[in-house]
């Protein structure tokens, strides 16, 4: 029986395979994987930079480096986080809608199309988003 090898996109950091499904797994380009990051922007203002650390199912977990414009938006994210933590779904959804109203975009540092429709959580130096 021939050995089966899966080639996985380098941006994936985790993969779950059923036991015995593959006799070998090779991560194509893993050693050459460039750091993936996005600028969080509001129109022409840089809010911060998100640098990918891990992909967890539908979420991209990142390190967050704030820019000066972050100070204006920080309270919105704090309200969202606090509402989700205390289990107040109505307040959390309202806070998330307020964040959406700020028209934030994620611009890939390496080029490519900006991400305009996404859900973003920022807490201190950590961020996660899904799109």
Protein backbone atom coordinates (compact mmCIF):
# COMPACT_ATOMS: atom_id res chain seq x y z
CA UNK A 1 0.00 0.00 0.00
CA UNK A 2 1.39 3.41 -0.99
CA UNK A 3 2.13 6.00 1.68
CA UNK A 4 -0.45 8.80 1.72
CA UNK A 5 0.84 12.35 2.21
CA UNK A 6 -1.36 15.41 2.74
CA UNK A 7 -0.15 18.80 1.64
CA UNK A 8 -1.61 21.48 3.88
CA UNK A 9 -1.69 25.22 3.27
CA UNK A 10 1.15 26.79 5.32
CA UNK A 11 -1.27 29.18 7.03
CA UNK A 12 -2.82 26.21 8.87
CA UNK A 13 -1.13 25.49 12.17
CA UNK A 14 -3.33 22.61 13.34
CA UNK A 15 -4.97 19.72 11.60
CA UNK A 16 -6.96 16.89 13.08
CA UNK A 17 -7.00 13.58 11.25
CA UNK A 18 -8.83 10.41 12.25
CA UNK A 19 -6.45 7.74 13.64
CA UNK A 20 -4.95 5.65 10.87
CA UNK A 21 -6.25 7.96 8.14
CA UNK A 22 -2.79 9.02 7.00
CA UNK A 23 0.40 7.11 7.40
CA UNK A 24 2.39 10.32 6.96
CA UNK A 25 1.68 14.02 6.97
CA UNK A 26 3.87 16.70 5.45
CA UNK A 27 3.22 20.39 6.00
CA UNK A 28 4.16 21.96 2.67
CA UNK A 29 6.35 25.02 3.14
CA UNK A 30 6.12 24.99 6.96
CA UNK A 31 9.77 25.94 7.41
CA UNK A 32 9.41 28.83 4.95
CA UNK A 33 6.14 30.14 6.41
CA UNK A 34 6.20 33.92 6.52
CA UNK A 35 4.65 35.77 9.41
CA UNK A 36 1.08 36.68 8.43
CA UNK A 37 -0.30 39.99 9.65
CA UNK A 38 -3.03 42.52 8.99
CA UNK A 39 -3.37 46.23 9.58
CA UNK A 40 -6.58 47.07 11.40
CA UNK A 41 -7.69 50.32 9.78
CA UNK A 42 -10.51 52.80 10.08
CA UNK A 43 -10.50 54.77 6.84
CA UNK A 44 -6.98 56.24 6.64
CA UNK A 45 -6.17 55.66 10.33
CA UNK A 46 -4.08 52.74 11.52
CA UNK A 47 -5.75 51.28 14.62
CA UNK A 48 -3.27 48.47 15.17
CA UNK A 49 -1.57 45.40 13.72
CA UNK A 50 -2.71 41.80 14.14
CA UNK A 51 -0.04 39.12 13.74
CA UNK A 52 -1.22 35.54 13.33
CA UNK A 53 -0.19 33.14 16.07
CA UNK A 54 -2.62 30.26 15.63
CA UNK A 55 -5.76 29.17 13.82
CA UNK A 56 -8.42 27.64 16.04
CA UNK A 57 -11.35 26.30 14.00
CA UNK A 58 -13.03 29.40 12.57
CA UNK A 59 -10.98 31.95 14.55
CA UNK A 60 -7.57 33.41 13.74
CA UNK A 61 -5.76 34.08 17.02
CA UNK A 62 -3.34 36.98 16.83
CA UNK A 63 -0.98 39.19 18.79
CA UNK A 64 -2.28 42.78 18.80
CA UNK A 65 -0.01 45.81 18.61
CA UNK A 66 -2.05 49.00 19.06
CA UNK A 67 -1.47 52.23 17.16
CA UNK A 68 -2.47 55.66 18.52
CA UNK A 69 -5.99 55.42 16.97
CA UNK A 70 -6.68 52.39 19.22
CA UNK A 71 -7.38 54.66 22.19
CA UNK A 72 -10.58 55.91 20.51
CA UNK A 73 -11.92 52.38 19.92
CA UNK A 74 -10.68 50.55 23.03
CA UNK A 75 -13.85 51.33 25.07
CA UNK A 76 -16.11 49.68 22.45
CA UNK A 77 -14.13 46.44 22.63
CA UNK A 78 -14.09 46.55 26.44
CA UNK A 79 -17.89 46.88 26.54
CA UNK A 80 -18.27 43.90 24.18
CA UNK A 81 -15.82 41.74 26.13
CA UNK A 82 -17.40 42.57 29.49
CA UNK A 83 -20.92 41.85 28.21
CA UNK A 84 -19.90 38.46 26.82
CA UNK A 85 -18.05 37.58 30.04
CA UNK A 86 -21.05 38.32 32.22
CA UNK A 87 -23.36 36.47 29.82
CA UNK A 88 -25.45 39.47 28.77
CA UNK A 89 -26.07 38.46 25.14
CA UNK A 90 -28.28 41.45 24.34
CA UNK A 91 -25.66 43.96 25.51
CA UNK A 92 -22.88 41.96 23.83
CA UNK A 93 -24.65 41.93 20.47
CA UNK A 94 -25.36 45.66 20.76
CA UNK A 95 -21.68 46.28 21.53
CA UNK A 96 -20.62 44.13 18.56
CA UNK A 97 -22.99 46.13 16.33
CA UNK A 98 -21.40 49.36 17.58
CA UNK A 99 -17.98 47.97 16.62
CA UNK A 100 -19.32 47.03 13.16
CA UNK A 101 -20.61 50.60 12.76
CA UNK A 102 -17.01 51.86 13.01
CA UNK A 103 -16.32 50.47 9.50
CA UNK A 104 -13.06 48.76 10.40
CA UNK A 105 -11.14 46.79 7.79
CA UNK A 106 -8.27 44.31 7.93
CA UNK A 107 -5.62 44.94 5.28
CA UNK A 108 -3.17 42.06 4.71
CA UNK A 109 0.44 43.25 5.08
CA UNK A 110 1.59 41.00 2.25
CA UNK A 111 -0.99 42.36 -0.18
CA UNK A 112 -4.34 40.97 -1.17
CA UNK A 113 -7.93 41.99 -0.76
CA UNK A 114 -8.94 43.77 2.46
CA UNK A 115 -11.31 41.90 4.77
CA UNK A 116 -14.38 44.02 5.40
CA UNK A 117 -16.85 41.57 6.93
CA UNK A 118 -15.45 40.04 10.12
CA UNK A 119 -16.02 39.59 13.83
CA UNK A 120 -13.17 40.87 16.00
CA UNK A 121 -12.29 40.50 19.67
CA UNK A 122 -9.40 42.43 21.23
CA UNK A 123 -8.30 42.05 24.84
CA UNK A 124 -4.99 43.66 25.75
CA UNK A 125 -2.27 42.23 23.54
CA UNK A 126 -4.42 39.45 22.10
CA UNK A 127 -6.94 39.55 19.29
CA UNK A 128 -8.99 37.01 17.41
CA UNK A 129 -11.12 37.38 14.33
CA UNK A 130 -13.27 35.30 12.05
CA UNK A 131 -14.54 36.13 8.60
